[in-house]
Amino acid sequence: MTASVLPGRAVALKRSRLRASIGDSIVVTERNLIGYLRIPEQLFFSSVQPIMFVLLFRYVFGGAISPPGMSYVDYLIPGILVQTVLFGSVSTSVGLAEDLQKGLVDRFRSLPMARSAVLAGRTSADSIRNVFVILLVIGVGYLVGFRVGTNFAGFLAAFALLLFFAYAVSWGFSCIGLSAPNSETAQLMAFPILFPLTFASSAFVPTETMPSWLRWFADHQPVGVVVNATRALLEGGPTARWVIPAVIWSLALLFVFAPLAVWRYRKTA
């Protein structure tokens, strides 16, 4: 009888720890969201950049680029959406580096809370911020001529894919934020990764115009795959061909970087 009770207690203990970890993560998420509300300038200026990209590419480069089968603005907006959530993920590394620099993480460590809550709270708050930014970019896109060419289900699927990919990438940038000595360095460490992946993709131009070796890279690296999947969901095309690899890439990034970020967080203790 005792042997049958012990496994039950172990299961109950695990459930209790899981509930506690979720509760701690929610509290840290709320703390980070309140920080956005107290510093609205941060949210405002992070929203200005994607708007500028939409307007610049739409009216400066749009006349010179003619993607097959659709207008350039319909081709452009899915790429801008992926770029926006990708660049927005940098705030994860910057925020964690700032918390480390100010000693806030040391205060968290002194509290009886889950080690993963600090990271989960940061990445979750940034995901919620991405909801606002994605809607903003789509709204600006509609003002300059963008239209969803599929249906509402495709739109929701694209929205979910963008959030999932951004969430997975945020864990990768958590590793950078925990490794950087300060927030400025964290930002500088992130952009050499972002720029090649973003611009060596189909985000802004068809890959058919690229050299064969670069085209292969652009079509198979994670950003290019997610851009093509988002475009297929919003404008039509071979959906499964791109969505399945995009989900696999997002899962792979999450499974690799989430444990690595938690390990790195513990190492900094």
C-alpha atoms as a PDB file:
ATOM      1  CA  MET A   1       0.000   0.000   0.000  1.00  0.00           C
ATOM      2  CA  THR A   2       2.866   2.321   0.827  1.00  0.00           C
ATOM      3  CA  ALA A   3       4.472   1.643  -2.547  1.00  0.00           C
ATOM      4  CA  SER A   4       1.273   2.662  -4.296  1.00  0.00           C
ATOM      5  CA  VAL A   5       0.983   5.871  -2.279  1.00  0.00           C
ATOM      6  CA  LEU A   6       4.509   7.126  -2.968  1.00  0.00           C
ATOM      7  CA  PRO A   7       4.119   7.374  -6.771  1.00  0.00           C
ATOM      8  CA  GLY A   8       0.878   9.285  -6.198  1.00  0.00           C
ATOM      9  CA  ARG A   9       2.656  11.751  -3.944  1.00  0.00           C
ATOM     10  CA  ALA A  10       5.439  12.148  -6.501  1.00  0.00           C
ATOM     11  CA  VAL A  11       2.910  12.930  -9.221  1.00  0.00           C
ATOM     12  CA  ALA A  12       1.133  15.413  -6.958  1.00  0.00           C
ATOM     13  CA  LEU A  13       4.451  17.072  -6.120  1.00  0.00           C
ATOM     14  CA  LYS A  14       5.341  17.414  -9.807  1.00  0.00           C
ATOM     15  CA  ARG A  15       1.935  18.934 -10.540  1.00  0.00           C
ATOM     16  CA  SER A  16       2.359  21.349  -7.662  1.00  0.00           C
ATOM     17  CA  ARG A  17       5.768  22.441  -8.966  1.00  0.00           C
ATOM     18  CA  LEU A  18       4.381  22.848 -12.464  1.00  0.00           C
ATOM     19  CA  ARG A  19       1.534  25.023 -11.199  1.00  0.00           C
ATOM     20  CA  ALA A  20       4.001  27.080  -9.183  1.00  0.00           C
ATOM     21  CA  SER A  21       6.278  27.539 -12.214  1.00  0.00           C
ATOM     22  CA  ILE A  22       3.354  28.649 -14.363  1.00  0.00           C
ATOM     23  CA  GLY A  23       2.204  31.053 -11.670  1.00  0.00           C
ATOM     24  CA  ASP A  24       5.717  32.529 -11.330  1.00  0.00           C
ATOM     25  CA  SER A  25       5.966  32.922 -15.114  1.00  0.00           C
ATOM     26  CA  ILE A  26       2.637  34.757 -15.231  1.00  0.00           C
ATOM     27  CA  VAL A  27       3.775  37.167 -12.512  1.00  0.00           C
ATOM     28  CA  VAL A  28       7.034  37.949 -14.354  1.00  0.00           C
ATOM     29  CA  THR A  29       5.088  38.357 -17.616  1.00  0.00           C
ATOM     30  CA  GLU A  30       2.797  40.896 -15.952  1.00  0.00           C
ATOM     31  CA  ARG A  31       5.822  42.717 -14.590  1.00  0.00           C
ATOM     32  CA  ASN A  32       7.352  43.036 -18.066  1.00  0.00           C
ATOM     33  CA  LEU A  33       4.057  44.140 -19.624  1.00  0.00           C
ATOM     34  CA  ILE A  34       3.676  46.837 -16.965  1.00  0.00           C
ATOM     35  CA  GLY A  35       7.153  47.991 -17.952  1.00  0.00           C
ATOM     36  CA  TYR A  36       5.929  48.527 -21.529  1.00  0.00           C
ATOM     37  CA  LEU A  37       3.005  50.579 -20.232  1.00  0.00           C
ATOM     38  CA  ARG A  38       5.232  52.716 -18.029  1.00  0.00           C
ATOM     39  CA  ILE A  39       7.620  53.402 -20.915  1.00  0.00           C
ATOM     40  CA  PRO A  40       5.254  53.888 -23.878  1.00  0.00           C
ATOM     41  CA  GLU A  41       8.057  55.470 -25.895  1.00  0.00           C
ATOM     42  CA  GLN A  42       9.734  52.068 -26.118  1.00  0.00           C
ATOM     43  CA  LEU A  43       6.632  50.502 -27.648  1.00  0.00           C
ATOM     44  CA  PHE A  44       6.075  53.504 -29.913  1.00  0.00           C
ATOM     45  CA  PHE A  45       9.539  53.594 -31.425  1.00  0.00           C
ATOM     46  CA  SER A  46       9.668  49.813 -31.806  1.00  0.00           C
ATOM     47  CA  SER A  47       6.490  50.200 -33.893  1.00  0.00           C
ATOM     48  CA  VAL A  48       7.852  53.005 -36.046  1.00  0.00           C
ATOM     49  CA  GLN A  49      10.559  50.845 -37.607  1.00  0.00           C
ATOM     50  CA  PRO A  50       8.244  48.287 -39.306  1.00  0.00           C
ATOM     51  CA  ILE A  51       6.013  51.120 -40.547  1.00  0.00           C
ATOM     52  CA  MET A  52       9.041  52.790 -42.126  1.00  0.00           C
ATOM     53  CA  PHE A  53      10.058  49.508 -43.774  1.00  0.00           C
ATOM     54  CA  VAL A  54       6.565  49.064 -45.215  1.00  0.00           C
ATOM     55  CA  LEU A  55       6.501  52.566 -46.675  1.00  0.00           C
ATOM     56  CA  LEU A  56      10.088  52.512 -47.958  1.00  0.00           C
ATOM     57  CA  PHE A  57       9.870  49.145 -49.687  1.00  0.00           C
ATOM     58  CA  ARG A  58       6.353  49.809 -50.969  1.00  0.00           C
ATOM     59  CA  TYR A  59       7.087  53.163 -52.598  1.00  0.00           C
ATOM     60  CA  VAL A  60      10.869  53.223 -53.109  1.00  0.00           C
ATOM     61  CA  PHE A  61      11.584  49.663 -54.268  1.00  0.00           C
ATOM     62  CA  GLY A  62       8.105  48.548 -55.244  1.00  0.00           C
ATOM     63  CA  GLY A  63       8.288  49.964 -58.748  1.00  0.00           C
ATOM     64  CA  ALA A  64      11.500  48.085 -59.523  1.00  0.00           C
ATOM     65  CA  ILE A  65      10.482  44.631 -58.261  1.00  0.00           C
ATOM     66  CA  SER A  66       7.811  42.527 -59.955  1.00  0.00           C
ATOM     67  CA  PRO A  67       7.239  39.170 -58.247  1.00  0.00           C
ATOM     68  CA  PRO A  68       5.412  36.617 -60.388  1.00  0.00           C
ATOM     69  CA  GLY A  69       1.728  36.092 -59.758  1.00  0.00           C
ATOM     70  CA  MET A  70       1.027  38.937 -57.326  1.00  0.00           C
ATOM     71  CA  SER A  71       1.541  42.615 -56.663  1.00  0.00           C
ATOM     72  CA  TYR A  72       4.674  43.646 -54.832  1.00  0.00           C
ATOM     73  CA  VAL A  73       2.792  44.925 -51.785  1.00  0.00           C
ATOM     74  CA  ASP A  74       1.112  41.527 -51.346  1.00  0.00           C
ATOM     75  CA  TYR A  75       4.525  39.900 -51.718  1.00  0.00           C
ATOM     76  CA  LEU A  76       6.147  42.376 -49.328  1.00  0.00           C
ATOM     77  CA  ILE A  77       3.903  42.364 -46.256  1.00  0.00           C
ATOM     78  CA  PRO A  78       4.503  38.703 -45.252  1.00  0.00           C
ATOM     79  CA  GLY A  79       8.233  39.390 -45.380  1.00  0.00           C
ATOM     80  CA  ILE A  80       7.837  42.555 -43.309  1.00  0.00           C
ATOM     81  CA  LEU A  81       5.791  40.623 -40.747  1.00  0.00           C
ATOM     82  CA  VAL A  82       8.513  38.005 -40.282  1.00  0.00           C
ATOM     83  CA  GLN A  83      11.199  40.675 -40.178  1.00  0.00           C
ATOM     84  CA  THR A  84       9.223  42.631 -37.576  1.00  0.00           C
ATOM     85  CA  VAL A  85       8.771  39.764 -35.128  1.00  0.00           C
ATOM     86  CA  LEU A  86      12.378  38.691 -35.700  1.00  0.00           C
ATOM     87  CA  PHE A  87      13.788  42.140 -34.982  1.00  0.00           C
ATOM     88  CA  GLY A  88      11.378  42.493 -32.074  1.00  0.00           C
ATOM     89  CA  SER A  89      12.862  39.375 -30.506  1.00  0.00           C
ATOM     90  CA  VAL A  90      16.041  41.358 -29.908  1.00  0.00           C
ATOM     91  CA  SER A  91      14.203  43.084 -27.055  1.00  0.00           C
ATOM     92  CA  THR A  92      14.356  39.763 -25.194  1.00  0.00           C
ATOM     93  CA  SER A  93      18.142  39.798 -25.142  1.00  0.00           C
ATOM     94  CA  VAL A  94      18.282  43.531 -24.393  1.00  0.00           C
ATOM     95  CA  GLY A  95      15.769  43.247 -21.548  1.00  0.00           C
ATOM     96  CA  LEU A  96      17.551  40.316 -19.921  1.00  0.00           C
ATOM     97  CA  ALA A  97      20.928  42.050 -20.231  1.00  0.00           C
ATOM     98  CA  GLU A  98      19.462  45.159 -18.586  1.00  0.00           C
ATOM     99  CA  ASP A  99      17.980  43.106 -15.741  1.00  0.00           C
ATOM    100  CA  LEU A 100      21.347  41.446 -15.181  1.00  0.00           C
ATOM    101  CA  GLN A 101      23.192  44.755 -15.314  1.00  0.00           C
ATOM    102  CA  LYS A 102      20.812  46.404 -12.811  1.00  0.00           C
ATOM    103  CA  GLY A 103      20.965  43.467 -10.413  1.00  0.00           C
ATOM    104  CA  LEU A 104      17.275  42.640 -10.793  1.00  0.00           C
ATOM    105  CA  VAL A 105      18.014  39.034 -11.724  1.00  0.00           C
ATOM    106  CA  ASP A 106      19.939  38.641  -8.455  1.00  0.00           C
ATOM    107  CA  ARG A 107      16.802  39.752  -6.605  1.00  0.00           C
ATOM    108  CA  PHE A 108      14.758  37.172  -8.508  1.00  0.00           C
ATOM    109  CA  ARG A 109      17.241  34.480  -7.528  1.00  0.00           C
ATOM    110  CA  SER A 110      16.783  35.315  -3.849  1.00  0.00           C
ATOM    111  CA  LEU A 111      13.038  34.660  -4.123  1.00  0.00           C
ATOM    112  CA  PRO A 112      11.423  31.219  -3.865  1.00  0.00           C
ATOM    113  CA  MET A 113      10.474  31.073  -7.522  1.00  0.00           C
ATOM    114  CA  ALA A 114      11.138  28.808 -10.502  1.00  0.00           C
ATOM    115  CA  ARG A 115      14.402  29.485 -12.322  1.00  0.00           C
ATOM    116  CA  SER A 116      12.645  29.261 -15.688  1.00  0.00           C
ATOM    117  CA  ALA A 117      10.048  31.896 -14.721  1.00  0.00           C
ATOM    118  CA  VAL A 118      12.340  34.858 -15.468  1.00  0.00           C
ATOM    119  CA  LEU A 119      12.983  33.615 -18.998  1.00  0.00           C
ATOM    120  CA  ALA A 120       9.442  32.387 -19.658  1.00  0.00           C
ATOM    121  CA  GLY A 121       8.013  35.669 -18.387  1.00  0.00           C
ATOM    122  CA  ARG A 122      10.267  37.707 -20.643  1.00  0.00           C
ATOM    123  CA  THR A 123       9.592  35.658 -23.782  1.00  0.00           C
ATOM    124  CA  SER A 124       5.841  35.552 -23.079  1.00  0.00           C
ATOM    125  CA  ALA A 125       5.645  39.321 -22.612  1.00  0.00           C
ATOM    126  CA  ASP A 126       7.490  39.858 -25.879  1.00  0.00           C
ATOM    127  CA  SER A 127       5.057  37.478 -27.606  1.00  0.00           C
ATOM    128  CA  ILE A 128       2.110  39.519 -26.347  1.00  0.00           C
ATOM    129  CA  ARG A 129       3.795  42.670 -27.635  1.00  0.00           C
ATOM    130  CA  ASN A 130       4.176  40.959 -31.016  1.00  0.00           C
ATOM    131  CA  VAL A 131       0.386  40.605 -31.252  1.00  0.00           C
ATOM    132  CA  PHE A 132       0.067  44.388 -31.241  1.00  0.00           C
ATOM    133  CA  VAL A 133       2.938  44.917 -33.693  1.00  0.00           C
ATOM    134  CA  ILE A 134       1.649  42.308 -36.162  1.00  0.00           C
ATOM    135  CA  LEU A 135      -1.814  43.901 -36.187  1.00  0.00           C
ATOM    136  CA  LEU A 136      -0.205  47.306 -36.673  1.00  0.00           C
ATOM    137  CA  VAL A 137       1.851  46.159 -39.679  1.00  0.00           C
ATOM    138  CA  ILE A 138      -1.177  44.481 -41.259  1.00  0.00           C
ATOM    139  CA  GLY A 139      -3.217  47.634 -40.719  1.00  0.00           C
ATOM    140  CA  VAL A 140      -0.558  49.811 -42.367  1.00  0.00           C
ATOM    141  CA  GLY A 141      -0.282  47.232 -45.136  1.00  0.00           C
ATOM    142  CA  TYR A 142      -3.995  47.521 -45.846  1.00  0.00           C
ATOM    143  CA  LEU A 143      -3.648  51.285 -46.104  1.00  0.00           C
ATOM    144  CA  VAL A 144      -0.995  50.912 -48.828  1.00  0.00           C
ATOM    145  CA  GLY A 145      -2.857  48.253 -50.814  1.00  0.00           C
ATOM    146  CA  PHE A 146      -2.173  44.892 -49.150  1.00  0.00           C
ATOM    147  CA  ARG A 147      -5.004  42.344 -49.206  1.00  0.00           C
ATOM    148  CA  VAL A 148      -5.245  38.804 -47.830  1.00  0.00           C
ATOM    149  CA  GLY A 149      -5.715  36.533 -50.830  1.00  0.00           C
ATOM    150  CA  THR A 150      -6.855  33.393 -48.999  1.00  0.00           C
ATOM    151  CA  ASN A 151      -9.396  33.376 -46.157  1.00  0.00           C
ATOM    152  CA  PHE A 152      -9.789  34.066 -42.460  1.00  0.00           C
ATOM    153  CA  ALA A 153      -8.519  30.600 -41.502  1.00  0.00           C
ATOM    154  CA  GLY A 154      -5.339  31.197 -43.486  1.00  0.00           C
ATOM    155  CA  PHE A 155      -4.924  34.569 -41.800  1.00  0.00           C
ATOM    156  CA  LEU A 156      -5.267  33.033 -38.320  1.00  0.00           C
ATOM    157  CA  ALA A 157      -2.822  30.254 -39.223  1.00  0.00           C
ATOM    158  CA  ALA A 158      -0.266  32.799 -40.445  1.00  0.00           C
ATOM    159  CA  PHE A 159      -0.769  34.836 -37.272  1.00  0.00           C
ATOM    160  CA  ALA A 160      -0.205  31.780 -35.083  1.00  0.00           C
ATOM    161  CA  LEU A 161       2.874  30.741 -37.064  1.00  0.00           C
ATOM    162  CA  LEU A 162       4.429  34.195 -36.688  1.00  0.00           C
ATOM    163  CA  LEU A 163       3.880  34.205 -32.930  1.00  0.00           C
ATOM    164  CA  PHE A 164       5.238  30.684 -32.521  1.00  0.00           C
ATOM    165  CA  PHE A 165       8.338  31.411 -34.588  1.00  0.00           C
ATOM    166  CA  ALA A 166       8.977  34.660 -32.705  1.00  0.00           C
ATOM    167  CA  TYR A 167       8.566  32.855 -29.380  1.00  0.00           C
ATOM    168  CA  ALA A 168      11.084  30.196 -30.384  1.00  0.00           C
ATOM    169  CA  VAL A 169      13.579  32.787 -31.606  1.00  0.00           C
ATOM    170  CA  SER A 170      13.172  34.768 -28.373  1.00  0.00           C
ATOM    171  CA  TRP A 171      14.648  31.859 -26.439  1.00  0.00           C
ATOM    172  CA  GLY A 172      17.688  31.999 -28.693  1.00  0.00           C
ATOM    173  CA  PHE A 173      18.125  35.691 -27.970  1.00  0.00           C
ATOM    174  CA  SER A 174      17.703  34.929 -24.279  1.00  0.00           C
ATOM    175  CA  CYS A 175      21.016  33.072 -24.517  1.00  0.00           C
ATOM    176  CA  ILE A 176      22.609  36.179 -26.024  1.00  0.00           C
ATOM    177  CA  GLY A 177      21.154  38.448 -23.347  1.00  0.00           C
ATOM    178  CA  LEU A 178      22.466  36.207 -20.582  1.00  0.00           C
ATOM    179  CA  SER A 179      25.928  36.135 -22.178  1.00  0.00           C
ATOM    180  CA  ALA A 180      26.310  39.854 -22.950  1.00  0.00           C
ATOM    181  CA  PRO A 181      27.940  42.185 -20.393  1.00  0.00           C
ATOM    182  CA  ASN A 182      25.349  44.924 -21.029  1.00  0.00           C
ATOM    183  CA  SER A 183      22.281  45.756 -23.121  1.00  0.00           C
ATOM    184  CA  GLU A 184      24.216  47.648 -25.794  1.00  0.00           C
ATOM    185  CA  THR A 185      26.468  44.670 -26.427  1.00  0.00           C
ATOM    186  CA  ALA A 186      23.454  42.347 -26.478  1.00  0.00           C
ATOM    187  CA  GLN A 187      21.923  44.388 -29.283  1.00  0.00           C
ATOM    188  CA  LEU A 188      25.171  44.461 -31.227  1.00  0.00           C
ATOM    189  CA  MET A 189      25.538  40.686 -30.869  1.00  0.00           C
ATOM    190  CA  ALA A 190      22.048  40.076 -32.231  1.00  0.00           C
ATOM    191  CA  PHE A 191      22.086  42.043 -35.458  1.00  0.00           C
ATOM    192  CA  PRO A 192      24.971  40.194 -37.205  1.00  0.00           C
ATOM    193  CA  ILE A 193      22.721  37.142 -36.913  1.00  0.00           C
ATOM    194  CA  LEU A 194      19.525  38.875 -37.975  1.00  0.00           C
ATOM    195  CA  PHE A 195      20.632  40.750 -41.066  1.00  0.00           C
ATOM    196  CA  PRO A 196      22.010  37.815 -43.115  1.00  0.00           C
ATOM    197  CA  LEU A 197      19.000  35.647 -42.271  1.00  0.00           C
ATOM    198  CA  THR A 198      16.494  38.412 -43.059  1.00  0.00           C
ATOM    199  CA  PHE A 199      17.918  39.870 -46.249  1.00  0.00           C
ATOM    200  CA  ALA A 200      19.274  36.594 -47.658  1.00  0.00           C
ATOM    201  CA  SER A 201      15.715  35.284 -47.895  1.00  0.00           C
ATOM    202  CA  SER A 202      12.573  35.766 -49.928  1.00  0.00           C
ATOM    203  CA  ALA A 203      11.322  38.469 -47.564  1.00  0.00           C
ATOM    204  CA  PHE A 204      11.779  41.338 -50.029  1.00  0.00           C
ATOM    205  CA  VAL A 205      12.778  39.883 -53.387  1.00  0.00           C
ATOM    206  CA  PRO A 206      12.137  36.577 -55.191  1.00  0.00           C
ATOM    207  CA  THR A 207      15.006  34.163 -54.672  1.00  0.00           C
ATOM    208  CA  GLU A 208      15.025  33.355 -58.407  1.00  0.00           C
ATOM    209  CA  THR A 209      17.127  36.492 -58.910  1.00  0.00           C
ATOM    210  CA  MET A 210      19.871  35.237 -56.572  1.00  0.00           C
ATOM    211  CA  PRO A 211      22.920  33.085 -57.424  1.00  0.00           C
ATOM    212  CA  SER A 212      22.173  29.378 -57.167  1.00  0.00           C
ATOM    213  CA  TRP A 213      24.166  28.833 -53.957  1.00  0.00           C
ATOM    214  CA  LEU A 214      22.548  31.823 -52.244  1.00  0.00           C
ATOM    215  CA  ARG A 215      19.114  30.828 -53.488  1.00  0.00           C
ATOM    216  CA  TRP A 216      19.469  27.397 -51.882  1.00  0.00           C
ATOM    217  CA  PHE A 217      20.412  29.007 -48.584  1.00  0.00           C
ATOM    218  CA  ALA A 218      17.576  31.559 -48.797  1.00  0.00           C
ATOM    219  CA  ASP A 219      14.970  28.872 -49.477  1.00  0.00           C
ATOM    220  CA  HIS A 220      16.054  26.527 -46.687  1.00  0.00           C
ATOM    221  CA  GLN A 221      17.165  28.704 -43.783  1.00  0.00           C
ATOM    222  CA  PRO A 222      14.507  29.258 -41.065  1.00  0.00           C
ATOM    223  CA  VAL A 223      13.607  32.857 -41.879  1.00  0.00           C
ATOM    224  CA  GLY A 224      13.168  32.129 -45.581  1.00  0.00           C
ATOM    225  CA  VAL A 225      11.019  29.090 -44.823  1.00  0.00           C
ATOM    226  CA  VAL A 226       8.777  31.014 -42.417  1.00  0.00           C
ATOM    227  CA  VAL A 227       8.433  33.902 -44.895  1.00  0.00           C
ATOM    228  CA  ASN A 228       7.338  31.497 -47.640  1.00  0.00           C
ATOM    229  CA  ALA A 229       4.934  29.745 -45.260  1.00  0.00           C
ATOM    230  CA  THR A 230       3.393  33.041 -44.141  1.00  0.00           C
ATOM    231  CA  ARG A 231       3.057  34.188 -47.746  1.00  0.00           C
ATOM    232  CA  ALA A 232       1.407  30.898 -48.737  1.00  0.00           C
ATOM    233  CA  LEU A 233      -1.093  31.183 -45.876  1.00  0.00           C
ATOM    234  CA  LEU A 234      -1.924  34.804 -46.674  1.00  0.00           C
ATOM    235  CA  GLU A 235      -1.774  34.800 -50.473  1.00  0.00           C
ATOM    236  CA  GLY A 236      -2.151  31.162 -51.508  1.00  0.00           C
ATOM    237  CA  GLY A 237       0.259  28.614 -52.913  1.00  0.00           C
ATOM    238  CA  PRO A 238       1.772  25.266 -51.889  1.00  0.00           C
ATOM    239  CA  THR A 239       0.910  25.654 -48.198  1.00  0.00           C
ATOM    240  CA  ALA A 240       2.015  22.291 -46.790  1.00  0.00           C
ATOM    241  CA  ARG A 241       5.342  22.516 -48.633  1.00  0.00           C
ATOM    242  CA  TRP A 242       6.325  25.533 -46.533  1.00  0.00           C
ATOM    243  CA  VAL A 243       4.194  25.399 -43.378  1.00  0.00           C
ATOM    244  CA  ILE A 244       5.390  21.968 -42.258  1.00  0.00           C
ATOM    245  CA  PRO A 245       9.113  22.887 -42.511  1.00  0.00           C
ATOM    246  CA  ALA A 246       8.355  26.228 -40.802  1.00  0.00           C
ATOM    247  CA  VAL A 247       6.743  24.454 -37.848  1.00  0.00           C
ATOM    248  CA  ILE A 248       9.638  21.978 -37.704  1.00  0.00           C
ATOM    249  CA  TRP A 249      12.178  24.812 -37.703  1.00  0.00           C
ATOM    250  CA  SER A 250      10.269  26.619 -34.922  1.00  0.00           C
ATOM    251  CA  LEU A 251      10.043  23.469 -32.809  1.00  0.00           C
ATOM    252  CA  ALA A 252      13.735  22.730 -33.338  1.00  0.00           C
ATOM    253  CA  LEU A 253      14.751  26.248 -32.281  1.00  0.00           C
ATOM    254  CA  LEU A 254      12.530  26.054 -29.201  1.00  0.00           C
ATOM    255  CA  PHE A 255      13.758  22.604 -28.142  1.00  0.00           C
ATOM    256  CA  VAL A 256      17.392  23.644 -28.549  1.00  0.00           C
ATOM    257  CA  PHE A 257      17.410  27.161 -27.130  1.00  0.00           C
ATOM    258  CA  ALA A 258      14.882  26.947 -24.271  1.00  0.00           C
ATOM    259  CA  PRO A 259      16.909  24.360 -22.276  1.00  0.00           C
ATOM    260  CA  LEU A 260      20.128  26.135 -23.263  1.00  0.00           C
ATOM    261  CA  ALA A 261      18.794  29.467 -21.982  1.00  0.00           C
ATOM    262  CA  VAL A 262      17.693  27.912 -18.675  1.00  0.00           C
ATOM    263  CA  TRP A 263      21.115  26.260 -18.324  1.00  0.00           C
ATOM    264  CA  ARG A 264      22.828  29.552 -19.058  1.00  0.00           C
ATOM    265  CA  TYR A 265      20.632  31.319 -16.510  1.00  0.00           C
ATOM    266  CA  ARG A 266      21.629  28.796 -13.849  1.00  0.00           C
ATOM    267  CA  LYS A 267      25.304  29.196 -14.760  1.00  0.00           C
ATOM    268  CA  THR A 268      25.100  32.928 -14.122  1.00  0.00           C
ATOM    269  CA  ALA A 269      23.890  32.267 -10.581  1.00  0.00           C
END
